[in-house]
C-alpha atoms as a PDB file:
ATOM      1  CA  MET A   1     -31.366 -33.093 -14.911  1.00  0.00           C
ATOM      2  CA  ALA A   2     -31.011 -30.531 -17.664  1.00  0.00           C
ATOM      3  CA  GLY A   3     -30.949 -27.545 -15.278  1.00  0.00           C
ATOM      4  CA  GLU A   4     -27.929 -28.736 -13.264  1.00  0.00           C
ATOM      5  CA  ALA A   5     -24.438 -27.665 -14.226  1.00  0.00           C
ATOM      6  CA  THR A   6     -21.831 -30.371 -14.306  1.00  0.00           C
ATOM      7  CA  ALA A   7     -18.186 -29.891 -13.373  1.00  0.00           C
ATOM      8  CA  ALA A   8     -17.234 -29.690 -17.052  1.00  0.00           C
ATOM      9  CA  THR A   9     -19.783 -26.964 -17.935  1.00  0.00           C
ATOM     10  CA  ARG A  10     -19.291 -24.694 -14.911  1.00  0.00           C
ATOM     11  CA  ARG A  11     -18.243 -21.140 -15.554  1.00  0.00           C
ATOM     12  CA  SER A  12     -16.884 -18.468 -13.283  1.00  0.00           C
ATOM     13  CA  PHE A  13     -19.216 -15.981 -11.695  1.00  0.00           C
ATOM     14  CA  ARG A  14     -19.849 -12.988 -13.947  1.00  0.00           C
ATOM     15  CA  VAL A  15     -21.454  -9.604 -13.378  1.00  0.00           C
ATOM     16  CA  PRO A  16     -23.726  -8.527 -16.259  1.00  0.00           C
ATOM     17  CA  GLU A  17     -22.365  -5.495 -18.119  1.00  0.00           C
ATOM     18  CA  THR A  18     -25.795  -3.836 -18.452  1.00  0.00           C
ATOM     19  CA  MET A  19     -26.522  -3.805 -14.730  1.00  0.00           C
ATOM     20  CA  PRO A  20     -26.914  -0.254 -13.334  1.00  0.00           C
ATOM     21  CA  ASP A  21     -24.515   0.952 -10.690  1.00  0.00           C
ATOM     22  CA  GLY A  22     -25.942   0.584  -7.204  1.00  0.00           C
ATOM     23  CA  VAL A  23     -26.407  -1.754  -4.283  1.00  0.00           C
ATOM     24  CA  HIS A  24     -27.098  -4.876  -6.345  1.00  0.00           C
ATOM     25  CA  LYS A  25     -24.075  -4.433  -8.593  1.00  0.00           C
ATOM     26  CA  ARG A  26     -21.809  -3.802  -5.609  1.00  0.00           C
ATOM     27  CA  LYS A  27     -23.166  -6.929  -3.931  1.00  0.00           C
ATOM     28  CA  LEU A  28     -22.470  -8.994  -7.052  1.00  0.00           C
ATOM     29  CA  GLU A  29     -18.935  -7.588  -7.270  1.00  0.00           C
ATOM     30  CA  LYS A  30     -18.384  -8.451  -3.605  1.00  0.00           C
ATOM     31  CA  ILE A  31     -19.557 -12.022  -4.243  1.00  0.00           C
ATOM     32  CA  ARG A  32     -17.226 -12.294  -7.249  1.00  0.00           C
ATOM     33  CA  LYS A  33     -14.238 -11.058  -5.225  1.00  0.00           C
ATOM     34  CA  THR A  34     -15.056 -13.476  -2.390  1.00  0.00           C
ATOM     35  CA  LEU A  35     -15.293 -16.405  -4.784  1.00  0.00           C
ATOM     36  CA  SER A  36     -11.991 -15.458  -6.427  1.00  0.00           C
ATOM     37  CA  HIS A  37     -10.299 -15.119  -3.046  1.00  0.00           C
ATOM     38  CA  ASN A  38     -11.592 -18.510  -1.883  1.00  0.00           C
ATOM     39  CA  ALA A  39     -10.345 -20.122  -5.108  1.00  0.00           C
ATOM     40  CA  ASP A  40      -6.902 -18.570  -4.580  1.00  0.00           C
ATOM     41  CA  VAL A  41      -6.774 -19.870  -1.003  1.00  0.00           C
ATOM     42  CA  LYS A  42      -7.731 -23.386  -2.101  1.00  0.00           C
ATOM     43  CA  ARG A  43      -5.190 -23.287  -4.935  1.00  0.00           C
ATOM     44  CA  SER A  44      -2.385 -22.243  -2.600  1.00  0.00           C
ATOM     45  CA  TYR A  45      -3.425 -24.955  -0.117  1.00  0.00           C
ATOM     46  CA  ARG A  46      -3.200 -27.605  -2.841  1.00  0.00           C
ATOM     47  CA  LYS A  47       0.214 -26.275  -3.900  1.00  0.00           C
ATOM     48  CA  THR A  48       1.463 -26.445  -0.302  1.00  0.00           C
ATOM     49  CA  LEU A  49       0.265 -30.038   0.068  1.00  0.00           C
ATOM     50  CA  LYS A  50       1.917 -30.957  -3.225  1.00  0.00           C
ATOM     51  CA  ARG A  51       5.179 -29.307  -2.137  1.00  0.00           C
ATOM     52  CA  MET A  52       5.139 -31.316   1.098  1.00  0.00           C
ATOM     53  CA  GLY A  53       4.653 -34.487  -0.909  1.00  0.00           C
ATOM     54  CA  LEU A  54       1.186 -35.286   0.403  1.00  0.00           C
ATOM     55  CA  GLU A  55      -1.915 -36.395  -1.440  1.00  0.00           C
ATOM     56  CA  VAL A  56      -3.605 -33.459  -3.085  1.00  0.00           C
ATOM     57  CA  PRO A  57      -7.437 -33.486  -3.108  1.00  0.00           C
ATOM     58  CA  SER A  58      -9.121 -32.774  -6.431  1.00  0.00           C
ATOM     59  CA  PRO A  59     -10.104 -29.142  -6.987  1.00  0.00           C
ATOM     60  CA  LEU A  60     -13.756 -29.974  -7.638  1.00  0.00           C
ATOM     61  CA  PRO A  61     -15.797 -32.678  -5.907  1.00  0.00           C
ATOM     62  CA  SER A  62     -16.606 -35.498  -8.299  1.00  0.00           C
ATOM     63  CA  LEU A  63     -20.246 -35.768  -9.242  1.00  0.00           C
ATOM     64  CA  GLU A  64     -21.927 -39.049 -10.086  1.00  0.00           C
ATOM     65  CA  ASN A  65     -25.503 -38.703 -11.316  1.00  0.00           C
ATOM     66  CA  GLY A  66     -25.807 -35.337  -9.603  1.00  0.00           C
ATOM     67  CA  VAL A  67     -24.909 -36.767  -6.175  1.00  0.00           C
ATOM     68  CA  LYS A  68     -21.652 -36.004  -4.402  1.00  0.00           C
ATOM     69  CA  ARG A  69     -19.454 -38.975  -3.651  1.00  0.00           C
ATOM     70  CA  SER A  70     -17.889 -38.986  -0.257  1.00  0.00           C
ATOM     71  CA  ALA A  71     -14.711 -40.785   0.759  1.00  0.00           C
ATOM     72  CA  PRO A  72     -15.182 -44.386   1.877  1.00  0.00           C
ATOM     73  CA  LYS A  73     -15.916 -44.776   5.566  1.00  0.00           C
ATOM     74  CA  ASP A  74     -13.171 -47.345   6.058  1.00  0.00           C
ATOM     75  CA  ALA A  75     -10.382 -45.043   4.876  1.00  0.00           C
ATOM     76  CA  ASP A  76      -7.019 -45.362   6.565  1.00  0.00           C
ATOM     77  CA  SER A  77      -6.413 -43.218   9.608  1.00  0.00           C
ATOM     78  CA  SER A  78      -2.927 -42.706   8.167  1.00  0.00           C
ATOM     79  CA  ASP A  79      -4.420 -40.294   5.628  1.00  0.00           C
ATOM     80  CA  GLU A  80      -5.829 -38.248   8.475  1.00  0.00           C
ATOM     81  CA  ASP A  81      -2.445 -38.334  10.198  1.00  0.00           C
ATOM     82  CA  LYS A  82      -0.814 -37.073   7.035  1.00  0.00           C
ATOM     83  CA  TYR A  83      -3.164 -34.104   6.878  1.00  0.00           C
ATOM     84  CA  GLN A  84      -2.768 -33.361  10.568  1.00  0.00           C
ATOM     85  CA  ASN A  85       1.027 -33.570  10.304  1.00  0.00           C
ATOM     86  CA  ALA A  86       0.930 -31.336   7.249  1.00  0.00           C
ATOM     87  CA  ALA A  87      -1.159 -28.779   9.113  1.00  0.00           C
ATOM     88  CA  ARG A  88       1.132 -28.680  12.160  1.00  0.00           C
ATOM     89  CA  PRO A  89       4.109 -26.863  10.548  1.00  0.00           C
ATOM     90  CA  MET A  90       1.751 -24.342   9.008  1.00  0.00           C
ATOM     91  CA  GLU A  91       0.023 -23.733  12.346  1.00  0.00           C
ATOM     92  CA  GLU A  92       3.358 -23.315  14.120  1.00  0.00           C
ATOM     93  CA  ALA A  93       4.507 -20.815  11.490  1.00  0.00           C
ATOM     94  CA  ASP A  94       1.244 -18.900  11.832  1.00  0.00           C
ATOM     95  CA  GLN A  95       1.584 -18.794  15.608  1.00  0.00           C
ATOM     96  CA  LYS A  96       5.066 -17.343  15.352  1.00  0.00           C
ATOM     97  CA  HIS A  97       3.878 -14.470  13.206  1.00  0.00           C
ATOM     98  CA  VAL A  98       0.431 -13.809  14.624  1.00  0.00           C
ATOM     99  CA  GLY A  99       0.721 -14.733  18.278  1.00  0.00           C
ATOM    100  CA  ARG A 100      -1.208 -12.821  20.876  1.00  0.00           C
ATOM    101  CA  HIS A 101       2.012 -11.484  22.320  1.00  0.00           C
ATOM    102  CA  ASN A 102       2.943  -9.822  19.030  1.00  0.00           C
ATOM    103  CA  LYS A 103      -0.274  -7.816  18.706  1.00  0.00           C
ATOM    104  CA  LYS A 104      -0.197  -4.168  19.688  1.00  0.00           C
ATOM    105  CA  PRO A 105      -2.555  -3.223  22.485  1.00  0.00           C
ATOM    106  CA  LYS A 106      -5.566  -1.307  21.264  1.00  0.00           C
ATOM    107  CA  GLN A 107      -5.302   2.418  21.919  1.00  0.00           C
ATOM    108  CA  SER A 108      -8.174   4.290  23.429  1.00  0.00           C
ATOM    109  CA  ARG A 109     -10.000   6.745  21.222  1.00  0.00           C
ATOM    110  CA  TYR A 110      -8.805   9.701  23.303  1.00  0.00           C
ATOM    111  CA  LYS A 111      -5.155   8.695  22.966  1.00  0.00           C
ATOM    112  CA  ARG A 112      -5.509   8.195  19.216  1.00  0.00           C
ATOM    113  CA  GLU A 113      -7.098  11.622  18.786  1.00  0.00           C
ATOM    114  CA  GLU A 114      -4.504  13.174  21.061  1.00  0.00           C
ATOM    115  CA  ALA A 115      -1.701  11.578  19.025  1.00  0.00           C
ATOM    116  CA  ALA A 116      -3.280  12.798  15.795  1.00  0.00           C
ATOM    117  CA  ALA A 117      -3.593  16.325  17.216  1.00  0.00           C
ATOM    118  CA  ALA A 118       0.044  16.274  18.347  1.00  0.00           C
ATOM    119  CA  LYS A 119       1.121  15.145  14.885  1.00  0.00           C
ATOM    120  CA  LEU A 120      -0.928  17.927  13.301  1.00  0.00           C
ATOM    121  CA  ARG A 121       0.589  20.494  15.691  1.00  0.00           C
ATOM    122  CA  GLY A 122       4.068  19.273  14.770  1.00  0.00           C
ATOM    123  CA  GLU A 123       3.306  19.574  11.066  1.00  0.00           C
ATOM    124  CA  LEU A 124       1.901  23.094  11.539  1.00  0.00           C
ATOM    125  CA  GLU A 125       4.959  24.167  13.521  1.00  0.00           C
ATOM    126  CA  ALA A 126       7.274  22.738  10.862  1.00  0.00           C
ATOM    127  CA  ALA A 127       5.315  24.574   8.158  1.00  0.00           C
ATOM    128  CA  GLN A 128       5.529  27.831  10.171  1.00  0.00           C
ATOM    129  CA  ILE A 129       9.311  27.444  10.596  1.00  0.00           C
ATOM    130  CA  GLU A 130       9.695  26.738   6.874  1.00  0.00           C
ATOM    131  CA  ARG A 131       7.586  29.829   6.027  1.00  0.00           C
ATOM    132  CA  GLU A 132       9.722  32.026   8.293  1.00  0.00           C
ATOM    133  CA  ARG A 133      12.928  30.635   6.752  1.00  0.00           C
ATOM    134  CA  ARG A 134      11.680  31.402   3.240  1.00  0.00           C
ATOM    135  CA  GLU A 135      10.656  34.914   4.307  1.00  0.00           C
ATOM    136  CA  VAL A 136      14.142  35.589   5.752  1.00  0.00           C
ATOM    137  CA  GLU A 137      15.757  34.333   2.533  1.00  0.00           C
ATOM    138  CA  ARG A 138      13.417  36.524   0.482  1.00  0.00           C
ATOM    139  CA  ARG A 139      14.302  39.608   2.519  1.00  0.00           C
ATOM    140  CA  GLN A 140      18.022  38.844   2.151  1.00  0.00           C
ATOM    141  CA  ARG A 141      17.676  38.501  -1.641  1.00  0.00           C
ATOM    142  CA  ILE A 142      15.786  41.788  -1.877  1.00  0.00           C
ATOM    143  CA  GLU A 143      18.400  43.532   0.266  1.00  0.00           C
ATOM    144  CA  GLN A 144      21.242  42.062  -1.829  1.00  0.00           C
ATOM    145  CA  ARG A 145      19.582  43.216  -5.063  1.00  0.00           C
ATOM    146  CA  GLN A 146      19.157  46.687  -3.605  1.00  0.00           C
ATOM    147  CA  THR A 147      22.847  46.940  -2.601  1.00  0.00           C
ATOM    148  CA  ASN A 148      23.927  45.595  -6.007  1.00  0.00           C
ATOM    149  CA  LYS A 149      21.723  48.166  -7.727  1.00  0.00           C
ATOM    150  CA  THR A 150      23.265  51.005  -5.721  1.00  0.00           C
ATOM    151  CA  LYS A 151      26.801  49.751  -6.483  1.00  0.00           C
ATOM    152  CA  MET A 152      26.058  49.492 -10.211  1.00  0.00           C
ATOM    153  CA  THR A 153      24.638  53.025 -10.351  1.00  0.00           C
ATOM    154  CA  GLN A 154      27.490  54.786  -8.516  1.00  0.00           C
ATOM    155  CA  PHE A 155      29.265  57.556 -10.427  1.00  0.00           C
ATOM    156  CA  THR A 156      32.130  59.924  -9.656  1.00  0.00           C
ATOM    157  CA  ARG A 157      31.650  63.722  -9.469  1.00  0.00           C
ATOM    158  CA  THR A 158      32.689  64.008 -13.080  1.00  0.00           C
ATOM    159  CA  GLY A 159      30.080  61.431 -14.197  1.00  0.00           C
ATOM    160  CA  GLN A 160      32.393  58.466 -14.706  1.00  0.00           C
ATOM    161  CA  PRO A 161      31.080  55.043 -13.444  1.00  0.00           C
ATOM    162  CA  LYS A 162      32.827  53.558 -10.410  1.00  0.00           C
ATOM    163  CA  LEU A 163      34.207  50.356 -11.928  1.00  0.00           C
ATOM    164  CA  GLY A 164      35.580  48.918  -8.663  1.00  0.00           C
ATOM    165  CA  ALA A 165      32.051  48.538  -7.234  1.00  0.00           C
ATOM    166  CA  ARG A 166      30.748  47.119 -10.515  1.00  0.00           C
ATOM    167  CA  VAL A 167      33.579  44.570 -10.685  1.00  0.00           C
ATOM    168  CA  ASP A 168      32.758  43.398  -7.150  1.00  0.00           C
ATOM    169  CA  VAL A 169      29.128  42.775  -8.160  1.00  0.00           C
ATOM    170  CA  LEU A 170      30.165  40.935 -11.315  1.00  0.00           C
ATOM    171  CA  LEU A 171      32.680  38.789  -9.394  1.00  0.00           C
ATOM    172  CA  ASP A 172      29.966  37.830  -6.893  1.00  0.00           C
ATOM    173  CA  LYS A 173      27.747  36.739  -9.789  1.00  0.00           C
ATOM    174  CA  ILE A 174      30.572  34.615 -11.224  1.00  0.00           C
ATOM    175  CA  ARG A 175      31.225  32.984  -7.820  1.00  0.00           C
ATOM    176  CA  LYS A 176      27.552  32.052  -7.503  1.00  0.00           C
ATOM    177  CA  ILE A 177      27.521  30.463 -10.944  1.00  0.00           C
ATOM    178  CA  THR A 178      30.644  28.361 -10.356  1.00  0.00           C
END
C-alpha cells in the first residue's frame, strides 16, 4: 500500500502558503487548530495518567499491515478498574468547579440591554462631571492669571512699581513650585 501513510511517516497538518485568503483557507486553519487542540488534550491526559502511576496508552495506535490492532478480548477487568478509578478524581474535581449550582442564571435580553444602557448613562454622567470640573479649574486659572497681571502692572502716582504686590505674586509662584 504505497498510498498509505505509516505512523513513522506522518506529518502534521499544514496549510499551503499559496492558498488565497477566503472560506477554504479559514476552514483549513480551523481544522489545524482543532487538530492541535485535540493533540494537546490527549497529551495532557497521558501526563495525568503517568502522574497517577497508571498505564499510559501509546500516543498513536499501532499499525500492522495497515490494520489497527485492538486490545485482546480477554484483558483483565482490573485495567478497566484502574481507568475508572483514575477518572473518578478528575470527574469529582470537575464537578466542584463546573457544577450546575455554580453557573450564573442566564439574563434576559431586555435586562442585559437595560444594564448596558445604565452603564453607558453612568459613564456619560461621569464624563459630564469631569468636563465641568475641568471647566471650573480653567476659569479659576484664567481668573488667577488676570489678578496676577493686574498686580504686576500696578504703579504709584509717580510711576514707581508697587513692589509689595509683585512680591506677593512671586511668593505664590515659589510656593507652587515647592
